[in-house]
Amino acid sequence: MSIQNIIDNSVSIAIGRTKIASSTLSRNGRYKTGLIPGNQPFLFVISHKPLTPYADARATIEEIDRLDTVFSEQIDIGTTNTNLNWITAYQGDLSTSDLGNIALTTTYAGNSIDIDLTNVTGAVSADYVFKAGDFIQFDNGYKYPYTVTQDLQYGAGGTVTLTLNRPIIEQDSYTINGGKGLLVGPACVWQVKMLEKPTYNILPGRFVEFDGDFSLIEVVED
């Protein structure tokens, strides 16, 4: 869990989710932008804390060197280090048990999916099921997290549409159906690979520090 250790001991985490677009300027002065369809992978830039006892870091360094920029690792933000859970914390009003009662449906297109709230019994119409910025992920082995882009109230319950930050990614051997639910907040995980791996300096006093940031990209395989 070397990359996870870097995240858990970070002093800052930068998150990027840039869309791919192309722009042209016509002869009559009109600037046009066209969105190129894509999976919009998450990008992370992690700054590790300045000094770590060398004895504590040796196993992490060894695993980082094994992974290098070749192999991927699963990471979370806020589960293995609960001090970071405010970054991905759920903002809505549902209880943990009612979040577990949300069911997916087979209706989805683009960046929208219908969810079934029929078994959510502890909510009232004014409650927020999700708020913009909440992290969600389909459960039972689905690889890709999303963020919610619009506040969603419970209303009359039943089936409602959830709008996400990027198009829903099809995954081999995974079927989105009514038997699946949602992971929410710190329970979401990413499969990432290092784009940039800094070297490390061994310092007097038996400390080690990395000479730059770790740059990570979400791996979209299917």
Foldseek 3Di string as FASTA:
>chain_A
DLVQVQLLQFPDKDKDQDFDWDWDADPVGDIDIDTDADFRWIKIKTHGDFKDQLVVCVVSVVVCVVQPQPAKDKYFACDVRVVRLVQQPFDWDADPVQLVVKFFAQDDDWQKGKIASPVNDPDDQATWPGAFQKKKDKDDDGADIWTFHHTHTCHPGGIDMTGTDGTDDDDPPDHRHRVIGMDTGRRHMFIKGWPDDFDKDQDPVNIIGGPGITMIIGDDDD
